[in-house]
């Protein structure tokens, strides 16, 4: 897993893997850092895109079915 660590006071950004993150927080206190799991964030973005594609496919299929119905009526 990959992580984005942001210092809340200075705005410094660190991109770390799991081992580096463990060592980083051994040396630094957790209190002033915002931790974002990039692996989970990427999965959420991908799932949102797939949801949009699924909804567009349903709308497209509905429109196509309506057009075919009208044409055959």
PDB file of N, CA and C in Angstrom:
ATOM      1  N   UNK A   1       0.836  -1.177   0.000  1.00  0.00           N
ATOM      2  CA  UNK A   1       0.000   0.000   0.000  1.00  0.00           C
ATOM      3  C   UNK A   1       0.876   1.234   0.000  1.00  0.00           C
ATOM      4  N   UNK A   2       0.364   2.271  -0.633  1.00  0.00           N
ATOM      5  CA  UNK A   2       1.064   3.541  -0.693  1.00  0.00           C
ATOM      6  C   UNK A   2       0.298   4.574   0.119  1.00  0.00           C
ATOM      7  N   UNK A   3       1.049   5.491   0.723  1.00  0.00           N
ATOM      8  CA  UNK A   3       0.454   6.501   1.581  1.00  0.00           C
ATOM      9  C   UNK A   3       0.964   7.880   1.209  1.00  0.00           C
ATOM     10  N   UNK A   4       0.102   8.875   1.420  1.00  0.00           N
ATOM     11  CA  UNK A   4       0.483  10.268   1.286  1.00  0.00           C
ATOM     12  C   UNK A   4       0.394  10.862   2.684  1.00  0.00           C
ATOM     13  N   UNK A   5       1.497  11.357   3.196  1.00  0.00           N
ATOM     14  CA  UNK A   5       1.562  11.938   4.530  1.00  0.00           C
ATOM     15  C   UNK A   5       1.774  13.440   4.365  1.00  0.00           C
ATOM     16  N   UNK A   6       0.883  14.250   4.961  1.00  0.00           N
ATOM     17  CA  UNK A   6       0.980  15.705   4.844  1.00  0.00           C
ATOM     18  C   UNK A   6       1.141  16.290   6.235  1.00  0.00           C
ATOM     19  N   UNK A   7       2.178  17.096   6.408  1.00  0.00           N
ATOM     20  CA  UNK A   7       2.384  17.804   7.672  1.00  0.00           C
ATOM     21  C   UNK A   7       1.382  18.942   7.738  1.00  0.00           C
ATOM     22  N   UNK A   8       0.544  18.947   8.761  1.00  0.00           N
ATOM     23  CA  UNK A   8      -0.513  19.955   8.878  1.00  0.00           C
ATOM     24  C   UNK A   8       0.030  21.357   9.134  1.00  0.00           C
ATOM     25  N   UNK A   9       1.192  21.446   9.756  1.00  0.00           N
ATOM     26  CA  UNK A   9       1.763  22.759  10.084  1.00  0.00           C
ATOM     27  C   UNK A   9       2.491  23.377   8.898  1.00  0.00           C
ATOM     28  N   UNK A  10       3.332  22.601   8.226  1.00  0.00           N
ATOM     29  CA  UNK A  10       4.170  23.155   7.163  1.00  0.00           C
ATOM     30  C   UNK A  10       3.632  22.867   5.764  1.00  0.00           C
ATOM     31  N   UNK A  11       2.764  21.878   5.626  1.00  0.00           N
ATOM     32  CA  UNK A  11       2.242  21.517   4.311  1.00  0.00           C
ATOM     33  C   UNK A  11       3.173  20.602   3.539  1.00  0.00           C
ATOM     34  N   UNK A  12       4.245  20.141   4.161  1.00  0.00           N
ATOM     35  CA  UNK A  12       5.176  19.230   3.494  1.00  0.00           C
ATOM     36  C   UNK A  12       4.480  17.904   3.198  1.00  0.00           C
ATOM     37  N   UNK A  13       4.716  17.369   2.001  1.00  0.00           N
ATOM     38  CA  UNK A  13       4.060  16.143   1.561  1.00  0.00           C
ATOM     39  C   UNK A  13       5.091  15.045   1.359  1.00  0.00           C
ATOM     40  N   UNK A  14       4.779  13.849   1.857  1.00  0.00           N
ATOM     41  CA  UNK A  14       5.649  12.687   1.717  1.00  0.00           C
ATOM     42  C   UNK A  14       4.828  11.547   1.108  1.00  0.00           C
ATOM     43  N   UNK A  15       5.387  10.888   0.111  1.00  0.00           N
ATOM     44  CA  UNK A  15       4.765   9.706  -0.477  1.00  0.00           C
ATOM     45  C   UNK A  15       5.582   8.493  -0.043  1.00  0.00           C
ATOM     46  N   UNK A  16       4.968   7.611   0.757  1.00  0.00           N
ATOM     47  CA  UNK A  16       5.692   6.517   1.381  1.00  0.00           C
ATOM     48  C   UNK A  16       4.966   5.194   1.172  1.00  0.00           C
ATOM     49  N   UNK A  17       5.753   4.104   1.178  1.00  0.00           N
ATOM     50  CA  UNK A  17       5.126   2.782   1.206  1.00  0.00           C
ATOM     51  C   UNK A  17       4.947   2.387   2.672  1.00  0.00           C
ATOM     52  N   UNK A  18       4.467   1.180   2.912  1.00  0.00           N
ATOM     53  CA  UNK A  18       4.117   0.782   4.283  1.00  0.00           C
ATOM     54  C   UNK A  18       5.338   0.732   5.210  1.00  0.00           C
ATOM     55  N   UNK A  19       6.456   0.198   4.741  1.00  0.00           N
ATOM     56  CA  UNK A  19       7.658   0.099   5.574  1.00  0.00           C
ATOM     57  C   UNK A  19       8.207   1.494   5.888  1.00  0.00           C
ATOM     58  N   UNK A  20       8.255   2.355   4.860  1.00  0.00           N
ATOM     59  CA  UNK A  20       8.752   3.710   5.065  1.00  0.00           C
ATOM     60  C   UNK A  20       7.849   4.484   6.035  1.00  0.00           C
ATOM     61  N   UNK A  21       6.533   4.247   5.935  1.00  0.00           N
ATOM     62  CA  UNK A  21       5.580   4.927   6.819  1.00  0.00           C
ATOM     63  C   UNK A  21       5.824   4.528   8.277  1.00  0.00           C
ATOM     64  N   UNK A  22       6.045   3.241   8.501  1.00  0.00           N
ATOM     65  CA  UNK A  22       6.309   2.771   9.862  1.00  0.00           C
ATOM     66  C   UNK A  22       7.554   3.439  10.432  1.00  0.00           C
ATOM     67  N   UNK A  23       8.622   3.468   9.638  1.00  0.00           N
ATOM     68  CA  UNK A  23       9.862   4.114  10.093  1.00  0.00           C
ATOM     69  C   UNK A  23       9.678   5.614  10.275  1.00  0.00           C
ATOM     70  N   UNK A  24       8.890   6.231   9.411  1.00  0.00           N
ATOM     71  CA  UNK A  24       8.647   7.675   9.481  1.00  0.00           C
ATOM     72  C   UNK A  24       7.971   8.038  10.801  1.00  0.00           C
ATOM     73  N   UNK A  25       6.940   7.252  11.189  1.00  0.00           N
ATOM     74  CA  UNK A  25       6.218   7.577  12.415  1.00  0.00           C
ATOM     75  C   UNK A  25       6.959   7.139  13.670  1.00  0.00           C
ATOM     76  N   UNK A  26       7.967   6.283  13.534  1.00  0.00           N
ATOM     77  CA  UNK A  26       8.829   5.994  14.685  1.00  0.00           C
ATOM     78  C   UNK A  26       9.654   7.238  15.002  1.00  0.00           C
ATOM     79  N   UNK A  27      10.116   7.920  13.947  1.00  0.00           N
ATOM     80  CA  UNK A  27      10.938   9.125  14.117  1.00  0.00           C
ATOM     81  C   UNK A  27      10.099  10.369  14.380  1.00  0.00           C
ATOM     82  N   UNK A  28       8.898  10.431  13.829  1.00  0.00           N
ATOM     83  CA  UNK A  28       8.047  11.625  13.941  1.00  0.00           C
ATOM     84  C   UNK A  28       6.760  11.279  14.680  1.00  0.00           C
ATOM     85  N   UNK A  29       6.211  12.258  15.343  1.00  0.00           N
ATOM     86  CA  UNK A  29       4.952  12.069  16.062  1.00  0.00           C
ATOM     87  C   UNK A  29       3.787  12.114  15.075  1.00  0.00           C
ATOM     88  N   UNK A  30       2.750  11.330  15.342  1.00  0.00           N
ATOM     89  CA  UNK A  30       1.570  11.240  14.475  1.00  0.00           C
ATOM     90  C   UNK A  30       0.654  12.457  14.601  1.00  0.00           C
ATOM     91  N   UNK A  31       0.800  13.255  15.642  1.00  0.00           N
ATOM     92  CA  UNK A  31      -0.169  14.290  15.970  1.00  0.00           C
ATOM     93  C   UNK A  31      -0.317  15.391  14.906  1.00  0.00           C
ATOM     94  N   UNK A  32       0.717  15.738  14.168  1.00  0.00           N
ATOM     95  CA  UNK A  32       0.640  16.852  13.223  1.00  0.00           C
ATOM     96  C   UNK A  32       0.628  16.404  11.770  1.00  0.00           C
ATOM     97  N   UNK A  33       0.254  15.165  11.503  1.00  0.00           N
ATOM     98  CA  UNK A  33       0.278  14.653  10.143  1.00  0.00           C
ATOM     99  C   UNK A  33      -1.081  14.126   9.717  1.00  0.00           C
ATOM    100  N   UNK A  34      -1.430  14.381   8.476  1.00  0.00           N
ATOM    101  CA  UNK A  34      -2.647  13.850   7.880  1.00  0.00           C
ATOM    102  C   UNK A  34      -2.227  12.682   6.986  1.00  0.00           C
ATOM    103  N   UNK A  35      -2.786  11.510   7.214  1.00  0.00           N
ATOM    104  CA  UNK A  35      -2.390  10.295   6.503  1.00  0.00           C
ATOM    105  C   UNK A  35      -3.495   9.872   5.538  1.00  0.00           C
ATOM    106  N   UNK A  36      -3.143   9.699   4.246  1.00  0.00           N
ATOM    107  CA  UNK A  36      -4.105   9.289   3.221  1.00  0.00           C
ATOM    108  C   UNK A  36      -3.599   7.999   2.593  1.00  0.00           C
ATOM    109  N   UNK A  37      -4.446   6.972   2.586  1.00  0.00           N
ATOM    110  CA  UNK A  37      -4.091   5.702   1.958  1.00  0.00           C
ATOM    111  C   UNK A  37      -4.381   5.828   0.467  1.00  0.00           C
ATOM    112  N   UNK A  38      -3.335   5.958  -0.350  1.00  0.00           N
ATOM    113  CA  UNK A  38      -3.501   6.180  -1.783  1.00  0.00           C
ATOM    114  C   UNK A  38      -4.061   4.961  -2.496  1.00  0.00           C
ATOM    115  N   UNK A  39      -3.779   3.767  -2.007  1.00  0.00           N
ATOM    116  CA  UNK A  39      -4.286   2.547  -2.632  1.00  0.00           C
ATOM    117  C   UNK A  39      -5.806   2.495  -2.527  1.00  0.00           C
ATOM    118  N   UNK A  40      -6.339   2.802  -1.359  1.00  0.00           N
ATOM    119  CA  UNK A  40      -7.794   2.810  -1.169  1.00  0.00           C
ATOM    120  C   UNK A  40      -8.436   3.968  -1.925  1.00  0.00           C
ATOM    121  N   UNK A  41      -7.769   5.114  -1.969  1.00  0.00           N
ATOM    122  CA  UNK A  41      -8.306   6.262  -2.700  1.00  0.00           C
ATOM    123  C   UNK A  41      -8.398   5.949  -4.193  1.00  0.00           C
ATOM    124  N   UNK A  42      -7.390   5.276  -4.723  1.00  0.00           N
ATOM    125  CA  UNK A  42      -7.404   4.896  -6.137  1.00  0.00           C
ATOM    126  C   UNK A  42      -8.540   3.909  -6.426  1.00  0.00           C
ATOM    127  N   UNK A  43      -8.763   2.972  -5.517  1.00  0.00           N
ATOM    128  CA  UNK A  43      -9.856   2.004  -5.689  1.00  0.00           C
ATOM    129  C   UNK A  43     -11.211   2.704  -5.648  1.00  0.00           C
ATOM    130  N   UNK A  44     -11.369   3.685  -4.757  1.00  0.00           N
ATOM    131  CA  UNK A  44     -12.625   4.443  -4.683  1.00  0.00           C
ATOM    132  C   UNK A  44     -12.881   5.211  -5.975  1.00  0.00           C
ATOM    133  N   UNK A  45     -11.838   5.859  -6.531  1.00  0.00           N
ATOM    134  CA  UNK A  45     -11.987   6.588  -7.791  1.00  0.00           C
ATOM    135  C   UNK A  45     -12.390   5.649  -8.917  1.00  0.00           C
ATOM    136  N   UNK A  46     -11.749   4.487  -9.001  1.00  0.00           N
ATOM    137  CA  UNK A  46     -12.064   3.509 -10.040  1.00  0.00           C
ATOM    138  C   UNK A  46     -13.505   3.022  -9.899  1.00  0.00           C
ATOM    139  N   UNK A  47     -13.945   2.753  -8.668  1.00  0.00           N
ATOM    140  CA  UNK A  47     -15.316   2.304  -8.437  1.00  0.00           C
ATOM    141  C   UNK A  47     -16.334   3.375  -8.817  1.00  0.00           C
ATOM    142  N   UNK A  48     -16.026   4.638  -8.533  1.00  0.00           N
ATOM    143  CA  UNK A  48     -16.921   5.726  -8.918  1.00  0.00           C
ATOM    144  C   UNK A  48     -17.038   5.817 -10.435  1.00  0.00           C
ATOM    145  N   UNK A  49     -15.912   5.666 -11.140  1.00  0.00           N
ATOM    146  CA  UNK A  49     -15.945   5.700 -12.606  1.00  0.00           C
ATOM    147  C   UNK A  49     -16.763   4.540 -13.161  1.00  0.00           C
ATOM    148  N   UNK A  50     -16.617   3.361 -12.578  1.00  0.00           N
ATOM    149  CA  UNK A  50     -17.392   2.207 -13.026  1.00  0.00           C
ATOM    150  C   UNK A  50     -18.880   2.416 -12.770  1.00  0.00           C
ATOM    151  N   UNK A  51     -19.238   3.057 -11.657  1.00  0.00           N
ATOM    152  CA  UNK A  51     -20.640   3.371 -11.386  1.00  0.00           C
ATOM    153  C   UNK A  51     -21.206   4.309 -12.448  1.00  0.00           C
ATOM    154  N   UNK A  52     -20.433   5.317 -12.828  1.00  0.00           N
ATOM    155  CA  UNK A  52     -20.889   6.252 -13.866  1.00  0.00           C
ATOM    156  C   UNK A  52     -21.082   5.517 -15.187  1.00  0.00           C
ATOM    157  N   UNK A  53     -20.137   4.658 -15.551  1.00  0.00           N
ATOM    158  CA  UNK A  53     -20.254   3.893 -16.793  1.00  0.00           C
ATOM    159  C   UNK A  53     -21.488   2.996 -16.752  1.00  0.00           C
ATOM    160  N   UNK A  54     -21.750   2.352 -15.635  1.00  0.00           N
ATOM    161  CA  UNK A  54     -22.922   1.486 -15.507  1.00  0.00           C
ATOM    162  C   UNK A  54     -24.212   2.282 -15.657  1.00  0.00           C
ATOM    163  N   UNK A  55     -24.281   3.450 -15.028  1.00  0.00           N
ATOM    164  CA  UNK A  55     -25.483   4.280 -15.144  1.00  0.00           C
ATOM    165  C   UNK A  55     -25.676   4.764 -16.583  1.00  0.00           C
ATOM    166  N   UNK A  56     -24.590   5.162 -17.244  1.00  0.00           N
ATOM    167  CA  UNK A  56     -24.692   5.597 -18.638  1.00  0.00           C
ATOM    168  C   UNK A  56     -25.134   4.453 -19.541  1.00  0.00           C
ATOM    169  N   UNK A  57     -24.666   3.251 -19.250  1.00  0.00           N
ATOM    170  CA  UNK A  57     -25.070   2.089 -20.044  1.00  0.00           C
ATOM    171  C   UNK A  57     -26.560   1.813 -19.873  1.00  0.00           C
ATOM    172  N   UNK A  58     -27.059   1.940 -18.655  1.00  0.00           N
ATOM    173  CA  UNK A  58     -28.494   1.724 -18.401  1.00  0.00           C
ATOM    174  C   UNK A  58     -29.325   2.779 -19.117  1.00  0.00           C
ATOM    175  N   UNK A  59     -28.907   4.033 -19.039  1.00  0.00           N
ATOM    176  CA  UNK A  59     -29.633   5.107 -19.727  1.00  0.00           C
ATOM    177  C   UNK A  59     -29.581   4.887 -21.237  1.00  0.00           C
ATOM    178  N   UNK A  60     -28.405   4.546 -21.750  1.00  0.00           N
ATOM    179  CA  UNK A  60     -28.268   4.291 -23.186  1.00  0.00           C
ATOM    180  C   UNK A  60     -29.135   3.130 -23.647  1.00  0.00           C
ATOM    181  N   UNK A  61     -29.175   2.067 -22.866  1.00  0.00           N
ATOM    182  CA  UNK A  61     -30.007   0.908 -23.215  1.00  0.00           C
ATOM    183  C   UNK A  61     -31.485   1.281 -23.189  1.00  0.00           C
ATOM    184  N   UNK A  62     -31.884   2.105 -22.234  1.00  0.00           N
ATOM    185  CA  UNK A  62     -33.280   2.553 -22.165  1.00  0.00           C
ATOM    186  C   UNK A  62     -33.656   3.388 -23.383  1.00  0.00           C
ATOM    187  N   UNK A  63     -32.781   4.296 -23.759  1.00  0.00           N
ATOM    188  CA  UNK A  63     -33.037   5.131 -24.940  1.00  0.00           C
ATOM    189  C   UNK A  63     -33.102   4.264 -26.194  1.00  0.00           C
ATOM    190  N   UNK A  64     -32.174   3.329 -26.327  1.00  0.00           N
ATOM    191  CA  UNK A  64     -32.164   2.446 -27.487  1.00  0.00           C
ATOM    192  C   UNK A  64     -33.427   1.592 -27.542  1.00  0.00           C
ATOM    193  N   UNK A  65     -33.851   1.055 -26.408  1.00  0.00           N
ATOM    194  CA  UNK A  65     -35.063   0.247 -26.368  1.00  0.00           C
ATOM    195  C   UNK A  65     -36.285   1.084 -26.736  1.00  0.00           C
ATOM    196  N   UNK A  66     -36.322   2.333 -26.267  1.00  0.00           N
ATOM    197  CA  UNK A  66     -37.435   3.224 -26.610  1.00  0.00           C
ATOM    198  C   UNK A  66     -37.462   3.510 -28.109  1.00  0.00           C
ATOM    199  N   UNK A  67     -36.308   3.770 -28.692  1.00  0.00           N
ATOM    200  CA  UNK A  67     -36.238   4.041 -30.134  1.00  0.00           C
ATOM    201  C   UNK A  67     -36.648   2.823 -30.950  1.00  0.00           C
ATOM    202  N   UNK A  68     -36.229   1.660 -30.538  1.00  0.00           N
ATOM    203  CA  UNK A  68     -36.615   0.433 -31.251  1.00  0.00           C
ATOM    204  C   UNK A  68     -38.111   0.201 -31.120  1.00  0.00           C
ATOM    205  N   UNK A  69     -38.665   0.455 -29.950  1.00  0.00           N
ATOM    206  CA  UNK A  69     -40.114   0.288 -29.740  1.00  0.00           C
ATOM    207  C   UNK A  69     -40.901   1.249 -30.632  1.00  0.00           C
ATOM    208  N   UNK A  70     -40.454   2.522 -30.663  1.00  0.00           N
ATOM    209  CA  UNK A  70     -41.135   3.521 -31.481  1.00  0.00           C
ATOM    210  C   UNK A  70     -41.047   3.165 -32.964  1.00  0.00           C
ATOM    211  N   UNK A  71     -39.887   2.697 -33.384  1.00  0.00           N
ATOM    212  CA  UNK A  71     -39.694   2.337 -34.799  1.00  0.00           C
ATOM    213  C   UNK A  71     -40.584   1.161 -35.207  1.00  0.00           C
ATOM    214  N   UNK A  72     -40.766   0.199 -34.333  1.00  0.00           N
ATOM    215  CA  UNK A  72     -41.569  -0.968 -34.644  1.00  0.00           C
ATOM    216  C   UNK A  72     -43.052  -0.756 -34.401  1.00  0.00           C
ATOM    217  N   UNK A  73     -43.446   0.318 -33.797  1.00  0.00           N
ATOM    218  CA  UNK A  73     -44.840   0.573 -33.476  1.00  0.00           C
ATOM    219  C   UNK A  73     -45.545   1.047 -34.678  1.00  0.00           C
TER     220      UNK A  73
END
